[in-house]
Each structure stands twice: as structure tokens, then as C-alpha cells.
Amino acid sequence: MPVPSGYGAVPGGNQPNCMAKIRMGLMMGAMIGGATGVLLGGFTGLRMGYRGKALLVQTGKVVAQSGLSFGVFMGVAQGLRC
């Protein structure tokens, strides 16, 4: 049985282009990496005995590093899929 012509398409619009997919991959990766960085950086900072501002600085560094690196990997993966 043939598939209908509009099946699976985005209603009311075209499919996203390659740059939009790469940008979405970067943003999703940054969000996932940032959330992971909050957990890992927070727990690591607490284990090291940091409190207050030092804990926030440590957590912020880990969030930035993991968010950026995972965002780049997700963006590259989406670019390879285009």
C-alpha cells in the first residue's frame, strides 16, 4: 500500500535545512552537557570541600566545559547526518 504524500511532513512548513539542524544539535548538546555539568560539578565541588562562591565558580567552570564540548559533538553529529 503506498504511503500518502503528506505523511511525516511538518504541518504547515518545509523540512528544516542543514544549518538549522546543526544549530539545534548544538543547542541540545549544550543543554544536556550543562545539566550534566551542574550535577557533576556540584557533587565534585562539595566533595572537595568548596562552599559558597568557590562552589559556584567550580560548578560554573564544569558547566561551561561540559556544555561546550557536548554541544560541539552533537553539532558535528547533526552535520554528518545532513
PDB file of N, CA and C in Angstrom:
ATOM      1  N   MET A   1       0.844  -1.171   0.000  1.00  0.00           N
ATOM      2  CA  MET A   1       0.000   0.000   0.000  1.00  0.00           C
ATOM      3  C   MET A   1       0.894   1.240   0.000  1.00  0.00           C
ATOM      4  N   PRO A   2       0.671   2.207  -0.897  1.00  0.00           N
ATOM      5  CA  PRO A   2       1.535   3.392  -0.959  1.00  0.00           C
ATOM      6  C   PRO A   2       1.313   4.323   0.234  1.00  0.00           C
ATOM      7  N   VAL A   3       2.378   5.041   0.591  1.00  0.00           N
ATOM      8  CA  VAL A   3       2.326   5.991   1.698  1.00  0.00           C
ATOM      9  C   VAL A   3       1.723   7.296   1.189  1.00  0.00           C
ATOM     10  N   PRO A   4       0.786   7.901   1.917  1.00  0.00           N
ATOM     11  CA  PRO A   4       0.208   9.184   1.476  1.00  0.00           C
ATOM     12  C   PRO A   4       1.282  10.251   1.311  1.00  0.00           C
ATOM     13  N   SER A   5       1.035  11.216   0.447  1.00  0.00           N
ATOM     14  CA  SER A   5       2.060  12.190   0.083  1.00  0.00           C
ATOM     15  C   SER A   5       2.462  13.121   1.227  1.00  0.00           C
ATOM     16  N   GLY A   6       1.604  13.400   2.181  1.00  0.00           N
ATOM     17  CA  GLY A   6       1.952  14.318   3.262  1.00  0.00           C
ATOM     18  C   GLY A   6       2.374  13.634   4.544  1.00  0.00           C
ATOM     19  N   TYR A   7       2.603  12.332   4.492  1.00  0.00           N
ATOM     20  CA  TYR A   7       2.870  11.569   5.709  1.00  0.00           C
ATOM     21  C   TYR A   7       4.238  11.901   6.280  1.00  0.00           C
ATOM     22  N   GLY A   8       4.302  12.298   7.559  1.00  0.00           N
ATOM     23  CA  GLY A   8       5.568  12.557   8.239  1.00  0.00           C
ATOM     24  C   GLY A   8       6.118  13.948   8.033  1.00  0.00           C
ATOM     25  N   ALA A   9       5.488  14.754   7.203  1.00  0.00           N
ATOM     26  CA  ALA A   9       5.988  16.108   6.956  1.00  0.00           C
ATOM     27  C   ALA A   9       5.560  17.033   8.095  1.00  0.00           C
ATOM     28  N   VAL A  10       6.300  18.120   8.241  1.00  0.00           N
ATOM     29  CA  VAL A  10       5.964  19.120   9.243  1.00  0.00           C
ATOM     30  C   VAL A  10       4.716  19.852   8.761  1.00  0.00           C
ATOM     31  N   PRO A  11       3.651  19.899   9.554  1.00  0.00           N
ATOM     32  CA  PRO A  11       2.439  20.569   9.101  1.00  0.00           C
ATOM     33  C   PRO A  11       2.647  22.073   8.925  1.00  0.00           C
ATOM     34  N   GLY A  12       2.265  22.563   7.771  1.00  0.00           N
ATOM     35  CA  GLY A  12       2.329  23.991   7.517  1.00  0.00           C
ATOM     36  C   GLY A  12       3.717  24.523   7.224  1.00  0.00           C
ATOM     37  N   GLY A  13       4.682  23.695   6.891  1.00  0.00           N
ATOM     38  CA  GLY A  13       6.020  24.202   6.610  1.00  0.00           C
ATOM     39  C   GLY A  13       6.899  23.181   5.933  1.00  0.00           C
ATOM     40  N   ASN A  14       8.101  23.616   5.618  1.00  0.00           N
ATOM     41  CA  ASN A  14       9.072  22.742   4.972  1.00  0.00           C
ATOM     42  C   ASN A  14       9.942  22.059   6.014  1.00  0.00           C
ATOM     43  N   GLN A  15      10.716  21.098   5.572  1.00  0.00           N
ATOM     44  CA  GLN A  15      11.672  20.450   6.452  1.00  0.00           C
ATOM     45  C   GLN A  15      12.790  21.443   6.776  1.00  0.00           C
ATOM     46  N   PRO A  16      13.374  21.381   7.979  1.00  0.00           N
ATOM     47  CA  PRO A  16      14.461  22.317   8.324  1.00  0.00           C
ATOM     48  C   PRO A  16      15.702  22.037   7.476  1.00  0.00           C
ATOM     49  N   ASN A  17      16.428  23.109   7.166  1.00  0.00           N
ATOM     50  CA  ASN A  17      17.643  22.935   6.368  1.00  0.00           C
ATOM     51  C   ASN A  17      18.795  22.435   7.241  1.00  0.00           C
ATOM     52  N   CYS A  18      19.934  22.233   6.625  1.00  0.00           N
ATOM     53  CA  CYS A  18      21.068  21.614   7.318  1.00  0.00           C
ATOM     54  C   CYS A  18      21.597  22.509   8.446  1.00  0.00           C
ATOM     55  N   MET A  19      21.684  23.817   8.213  1.00  0.00           N
ATOM     56  CA  MET A  19      22.196  24.715   9.254  1.00  0.00           C
ATOM     57  C   MET A  19      21.259  24.759  10.463  1.00  0.00           C
ATOM     58  N   ALA A  20      19.965  24.682  10.219  1.00  0.00           N
ATOM     59  CA  ALA A  20      19.014  24.667  11.335  1.00  0.00           C
ATOM     60  C   ALA A  20      19.171  23.390  12.153  1.00  0.00           C
ATOM     61  N   LYS A  21      19.442  22.274  11.484  1.00  0.00           N
ATOM     62  CA  LYS A  21      19.652  21.015  12.196  1.00  0.00           C
ATOM     63  C   LYS A  21      20.933  21.055  13.026  1.00  0.00           C
ATOM     64  N   ILE A  22      21.992  21.632  12.454  1.00  0.00           N
ATOM     65  CA  ILE A  22      23.262  21.741  13.185  1.00  0.00           C
ATOM     66  C   ILE A  22      23.097  22.648  14.402  1.00  0.00           C
ATOM     67  N   ARG A  23      22.402  23.775  14.218  1.00  0.00           N
ATOM     68  CA  ARG A  23      22.168  24.700  15.326  1.00  0.00           C
ATOM     69  C   ARG A  23      21.345  24.041  16.426  1.00  0.00           C
ATOM     70  N   MET A  24      20.334  23.255  16.026  1.00  0.00           N
ATOM     71  CA  MET A  24      19.517  22.548  17.012  1.00  0.00           C
ATOM     72  C   MET A  24      20.355  21.512  17.765  1.00  0.00           C
ATOM     73  N   GLY A  25      21.246  20.815  17.059  1.00  0.00           N
ATOM     74  CA  GLY A  25      22.135  19.865  17.714  1.00  0.00           C
ATOM     75  C   GLY A  25      23.067  20.540  18.706  1.00  0.00           C
ATOM     76  N   LEU A  26      23.597  21.713  18.325  1.00  0.00           N
ATOM     77  CA  LEU A  26      24.452  22.467  19.240  1.00  0.00           C
ATOM     78  C   LEU A  26      23.694  22.865  20.502  1.00  0.00           C
ATOM     79  N   MET A  27      22.474  23.358  20.323  1.00  0.00           N
ATOM     80  CA  MET A  27      21.700  23.802  21.485  1.00  0.00           C
ATOM     81  C   MET A  27      21.298  22.632  22.379  1.00  0.00           C
ATOM     82  N   MET A  28      20.872  21.530  21.762  1.00  0.00           N
ATOM     83  CA  MET A  28      20.501  20.361  22.571  1.00  0.00           C
ATOM     84  C   MET A  28      21.706  19.818  23.323  1.00  0.00           C
ATOM     85  N   GLY A  29      22.841  19.745  22.653  1.00  0.00           N
ATOM     86  CA  GLY A  29      24.046  19.261  23.304  1.00  0.00           C
ATOM     87  C   GLY A  29      24.500  20.167  24.430  1.00  0.00           C
ATOM     88  N   ALA A  30      24.376  21.475  24.229  1.00  0.00           N
ATOM     89  CA  ALA A  30      24.768  22.413  25.279  1.00  0.00           C
ATOM     90  C   ALA A  30      23.854  22.282  26.495  1.00  0.00           C
ATOM     91  N   MET A  31      22.571  22.080  26.257  1.00  0.00           N
ATOM     92  CA  MET A  31      21.637  21.926  27.376  1.00  0.00           C
ATOM     93  C   MET A  31      21.893  20.622  28.138  1.00  0.00           C
ATOM     94  N   ILE A  32      22.099  19.543  27.416  1.00  0.00           N
ATOM     95  CA  ILE A  32      22.355  18.252  28.066  1.00  0.00           C
ATOM     96  C   ILE A  32      23.696  18.284  28.795  1.00  0.00           C
ATOM     97  N   GLY A  33      24.722  18.824  28.137  1.00  0.00           N
ATOM     98  CA  GLY A  33      26.027  18.935  28.777  1.00  0.00           C
ATOM     99  C   GLY A  33      26.012  19.870  29.975  1.00  0.00           C
ATOM    100  N   GLY A  34      25.250  20.962  29.886  1.00  0.00           N
ATOM    101  CA  GLY A  34      25.144  21.882  31.009  1.00  0.00           C
ATOM    102  C   GLY A  34      24.458  21.250  32.208  1.00  0.00           C
ATOM    103  N   ALA A  35      23.390  20.497  31.941  1.00  0.00           N
ATOM    104  CA  ALA A  35      22.691  19.822  33.040  1.00  0.00           C
ATOM    105  C   ALA A  35      23.591  18.780  33.693  1.00  0.00           C
ATOM    106  N   THR A  36      24.339  18.067  32.877  1.00  0.00           N
ATOM    107  CA  THR A  36      25.276  17.088  33.420  1.00  0.00           C
ATOM    108  C   THR A  36      26.381  17.792  34.206  1.00  0.00           C
ATOM    109  N   GLY A  37      26.830  18.944  33.705  1.00  0.00           N
ATOM    110  CA  GLY A  37      27.864  19.706  34.391  1.00  0.00           C
ATOM    111  C   GLY A  37      27.416  20.228  35.743  1.00  0.00           C
ATOM    112  N   VAL A  38      26.142  20.611  35.852  1.00  0.00           N
ATOM    113  CA  VAL A  38      25.623  21.065  37.140  1.00  0.00           C
ATOM    114  C   VAL A  38      25.707  19.937  38.161  1.00  0.00           C
ATOM    115  N   LEU A  39      25.290  18.744  37.743  1.00  0.00           N
ATOM    116  CA  LEU A  39      25.329  17.607  38.666  1.00  0.00           C
ATOM    117  C   LEU A  39      26.760  17.224  39.030  1.00  0.00           C
ATOM    118  N   LEU A  40      27.583  17.015  38.012  1.00  0.00           N
ATOM    119  CA  LEU A  40      28.952  16.569  38.273  1.00  0.00           C
ATOM    120  C   LEU A  40      29.785  17.647  38.962  1.00  0.00           C
ATOM    121  N   GLY A  41      29.658  18.893  38.509  1.00  0.00           N
ATOM    122  CA  GLY A  41      30.426  19.976  39.121  1.00  0.00           C
ATOM    123  C   GLY A  41      30.003  20.253  40.549  1.00  0.00           C
ATOM    124  N   GLY A  42      28.700  20.173  40.795  1.00  0.00           N
ATOM    125  CA  GLY A  42      28.217  20.396  42.156  1.00  0.00           C
ATOM    126  C   GLY A  42      28.690  19.335  43.119  1.00  0.00           C
ATOM    127  N   PHE A  43      28.540  18.079  42.715  1.00  0.00           N
ATOM    128  CA  PHE A  43      28.973  16.988  43.591  1.00  0.00           C
ATOM    129  C   PHE A  43      30.486  16.985  43.777  1.00  0.00           C
ATOM    130  N   THR A  44      31.224  17.256  42.715  1.00  0.00           N
ATOM    131  CA  THR A  44      32.685  17.290  42.827  1.00  0.00           C
ATOM    132  C   THR A  44      33.130  18.436  43.738  1.00  0.00           C
ATOM    133  N   GLY A  45      32.501  19.598  43.564  1.00  0.00           N
ATOM    134  CA  GLY A  45      32.845  20.733  44.422  1.00  0.00           C
ATOM    135  C   GLY A  45      32.542  20.474  45.882  1.00  0.00           C
ATOM    136  N   LEU A  46      31.412  19.836  46.148  1.00  0.00           N
ATOM    137  CA  LEU A  46      31.085  19.503  47.535  1.00  0.00           C
ATOM    138  C   LEU A  46      32.058  18.475  48.106  1.00  0.00           C
ATOM    139  N   ARG A  47      32.460  17.514  47.295  1.00  0.00           N
ATOM    140  CA  ARG A  47      33.437  16.526  47.763  1.00  0.00           C
ATOM    141  C   ARG A  47      34.789  17.155  48.066  1.00  0.00           C
ATOM    142  N   MET A  48      35.140  18.202  47.290  1.00  0.00           N
ATOM    143  CA  MET A  48      36.422  18.875  47.515  1.00  0.00           C
ATOM    144  C   MET A  48      36.352  19.838  48.697  1.00  0.00           C
ATOM    145  N   GLY A  49      35.176  20.067  49.243  1.00  0.00           N
ATOM    146  CA  GLY A  49      35.042  20.923  50.397  1.00  0.00           C
ATOM    147  C   GLY A  49      34.747  22.373  50.065  1.00  0.00           C
ATOM    148  N   TYR A  50      34.401  22.678  48.817  1.00  0.00           N
ATOM    149  CA  TYR A  50      34.078  24.056  48.448  1.00  0.00           C
ATOM    150  C   TYR A  50      32.706  24.432  48.983  1.00  0.00           C
ATOM    151  N   ARG A  51      32.560  25.686  49.374  1.00  0.00           N
ATOM    152  CA  ARG A  51      31.285  26.222  49.827  1.00  0.00           C
ATOM    153  C   ARG A  51      31.131  27.624  49.279  1.00  0.00           C
ATOM    154  N   GLY A  52      29.904  28.074  49.120  1.00  0.00           N
ATOM    155  CA  GLY A  52      29.623  29.441  48.726  1.00  0.00           C
ATOM    156  C   GLY A  52      30.101  29.777  47.330  1.00  0.00           C
ATOM    157  N   LYS A  53      30.848  30.904  47.253  1.00  0.00           N
ATOM    158  CA  LYS A  53      31.290  31.402  45.956  1.00  0.00           C
ATOM    159  C   LYS A  53      32.248  30.436  45.266  1.00  0.00           C
ATOM    160  N   ALA A  54      33.106  29.795  46.011  1.00  0.00           N
ATOM    161  CA  ALA A  54      34.046  28.841  45.417  1.00  0.00           C
ATOM    162  C   ALA A  54      33.304  27.672  44.775  1.00  0.00           C
ATOM    163  N   LEU A  55      32.224  27.224  45.412  1.00  0.00           N
ATOM    164  CA  LEU A  55      31.419  26.140  44.841  1.00  0.00           C
ATOM    165  C   LEU A  55      30.750  26.586  43.549  1.00  0.00           C
ATOM    166  N   LEU A  56      30.232  27.810  43.518  1.00  0.00           N
ATOM    167  CA  LEU A  56      29.601  28.320  42.303  1.00  0.00           C
ATOM    168  C   LEU A  56      30.601  28.480  41.166  1.00  0.00           C
ATOM    169  N   VAL A  57      31.798  28.941  41.480  1.00  0.00           N
ATOM    170  CA  VAL A  57      32.828  29.103  40.452  1.00  0.00           C
ATOM    171  C   VAL A  57      33.226  27.743  39.897  1.00  0.00           C
ATOM    172  N   GLN A  58      33.439  26.768  40.767  1.00  0.00           N
ATOM    173  CA  GLN A  58      33.809  25.421  40.332  1.00  0.00           C
ATOM    174  C   GLN A  58      32.708  24.812  39.476  1.00  0.00           C
ATOM    175  N   THR A  59      31.472  24.934  39.914  1.00  0.00           N
ATOM    176  CA  THR A  59      30.352  24.386  39.163  1.00  0.00           C
ATOM    177  C   THR A  59      30.203  25.095  37.823  1.00  0.00           C
ATOM    178  N   GLY A  60      30.378  26.394  37.790  1.00  0.00           N
ATOM    179  CA  GLY A  60      30.281  27.148  36.544  1.00  0.00           C
ATOM    180  C   GLY A  60      31.318  26.732  35.524  1.00  0.00           C
ATOM    181  N   LYS A  61      32.535  26.471  35.983  1.00  0.00           N
ATOM    182  CA  LYS A  61      33.581  26.013  35.069  1.00  0.00           C
ATOM    183  C   LYS A  61      33.222  24.669  34.455  1.00  0.00           C
ATOM    184  N   VAL A  62      32.742  23.754  35.279  1.00  0.00           N
ATOM    185  CA  VAL A  62      32.388  22.418  34.785  1.00  0.00           C
ATOM    186  C   VAL A  62      31.191  22.501  33.844  1.00  0.00           C
ATOM    187  N   VAL A  63      30.223  23.354  34.153  1.00  0.00           N
ATOM    188  CA  VAL A  63      29.052  23.527  33.285  1.00  0.00           C
ATOM    189  C   VAL A  63      29.484  24.052  31.925  1.00  0.00           C
ATOM    190  N   ALA A  64      30.343  25.053  31.900  1.00  0.00           N
ATOM    191  CA  ALA A  64      30.798  25.625  30.633  1.00  0.00           C
ATOM    192  C   ALA A  64      31.583  24.607  29.818  1.00  0.00           C
ATOM    193  N   GLN A  65      32.472  23.868  30.460  1.00  0.00           N
ATOM    194  CA  GLN A  65      33.281  22.897  29.736  1.00  0.00           C
ATOM    195  C   GLN A  65      32.444  21.761  29.167  1.00  0.00           C
ATOM    196  N   SER A  66      31.585  21.187  29.985  1.00  0.00           N
ATOM    197  CA  SER A  66      30.807  20.040  29.509  1.00  0.00           C
ATOM    198  C   SER A  66      29.741  20.475  28.515  1.00  0.00           C
ATOM    199  N   GLY A  67      29.131  21.647  28.730  1.00  0.00           N
ATOM    200  CA  GLY A  67      28.135  22.129  27.783  1.00  0.00           C
ATOM    201  C   GLY A  67      28.730  22.423  26.424  1.00  0.00           C
ATOM    202  N   LEU A  68      29.877  23.069  26.409  1.00  0.00           N
ATOM    203  CA  LEU A  68      30.523  23.390  25.143  1.00  0.00           C
ATOM    204  C   LEU A  68      30.992  22.137  24.418  1.00  0.00           C
ATOM    205  N   SER A  69      31.635  21.237  25.135  1.00  0.00           N
ATOM    206  CA  SER A  69      32.171  20.051  24.456  1.00  0.00           C
ATOM    207  C   SER A  69      31.051  19.149  23.942  1.00  0.00           C
ATOM    208  N   PHE A  70      30.021  18.919  24.746  1.00  0.00           N
ATOM    209  CA  PHE A  70      28.936  18.061  24.282  1.00  0.00           C
ATOM    210  C   PHE A  70      28.138  18.746  23.181  1.00  0.00           C
ATOM    211  N   GLY A  71      28.012  20.070  23.238  1.00  0.00           N
ATOM    212  CA  GLY A  71      27.340  20.796  22.170  1.00  0.00           C
ATOM    213  C   GLY A  71      28.071  20.679  20.849  1.00  0.00           C
ATOM    214  N   VAL A  72      29.399  20.772  20.883  1.00  0.00           N
ATOM    215  CA  VAL A  72      30.182  20.620  19.654  1.00  0.00           C
ATOM    216  C   VAL A  72      30.013  19.215  19.090  1.00  0.00           C
ATOM    217  N   PHE A  73      30.059  18.203  19.931  1.00  0.00           N
ATOM    218  CA  PHE A  73      29.899  16.838  19.445  1.00  0.00           C
ATOM    219  C   PHE A  73      28.528  16.617  18.829  1.00  0.00           C
ATOM    220  N   MET A  74      27.488  17.144  19.463  1.00  0.00           N
ATOM    221  CA  MET A  74      26.143  16.970  18.912  1.00  0.00           C
ATOM    222  C   MET A  74      25.978  17.748  17.609  1.00  0.00           C
ATOM    223  N   GLY A  75      26.575  18.933  17.523  1.00  0.00           N
ATOM    224  CA  GLY A  75      26.506  19.700  16.293  1.00  0.00           C
ATOM    225  C   GLY A  75      27.219  19.010  15.139  1.00  0.00           C
ATOM    226  N   VAL A  76      28.389  18.448  15.413  1.00  0.00           N
ATOM    227  CA  VAL A  76      29.124  17.721  14.386  1.00  0.00           C
ATOM    228  C   VAL A  76      28.339  16.479  13.956  1.00  0.00           C
ATOM    229  N   ALA A  77      27.743  15.797  14.900  1.00  0.00           N
ATOM    230  CA  ALA A  77      26.958  14.600  14.563  1.00  0.00           C
ATOM    231  C   ALA A  77      25.764  14.974  13.676  1.00  0.00           C
ATOM    232  N   GLN A  78      25.100  16.075  13.987  1.00  0.00           N
ATOM    233  CA  GLN A  78      23.992  16.505  13.138  1.00  0.00           C
ATOM    234  C   GLN A  78      24.498  16.936  11.762  1.00  0.00           C
ATOM    235  N   GLY A  79      25.662  17.550  11.715  1.00  0.00           N
ATOM    236  CA  GLY A  79      26.242  17.925  10.428  1.00  0.00           C
ATOM    237  C   GLY A  79      26.578  16.720   9.562  1.00  0.00           C
ATOM    238  N   LEU A  80      27.013  15.654  10.180  1.00  0.00           N
ATOM    239  CA  LEU A  80      27.312  14.439   9.425  1.00  0.00           C
ATOM    240  C   LEU A  80      26.046  13.769   8.907  1.00  0.00           C
ATOM    241  N   ARG A  81      24.947  13.995   9.587  1.00  0.00           N
ATOM    242  CA  ARG A  81      23.690  13.376   9.177  1.00  0.00           C
ATOM    243  C   ARG A  81      23.014  14.139   8.035  1.00  0.00           C
ATOM    244  N   CYS A  82      23.433  15.377   7.757  1.00  0.00           N
ATOM    245  CA  CYS A  82      22.799  16.170   6.677  1.00  0.00           C
ATOM    246  C   CYS A  82      23.075  15.597   5.303  1.00  0.00           C
TER     247      CYS A  82
END
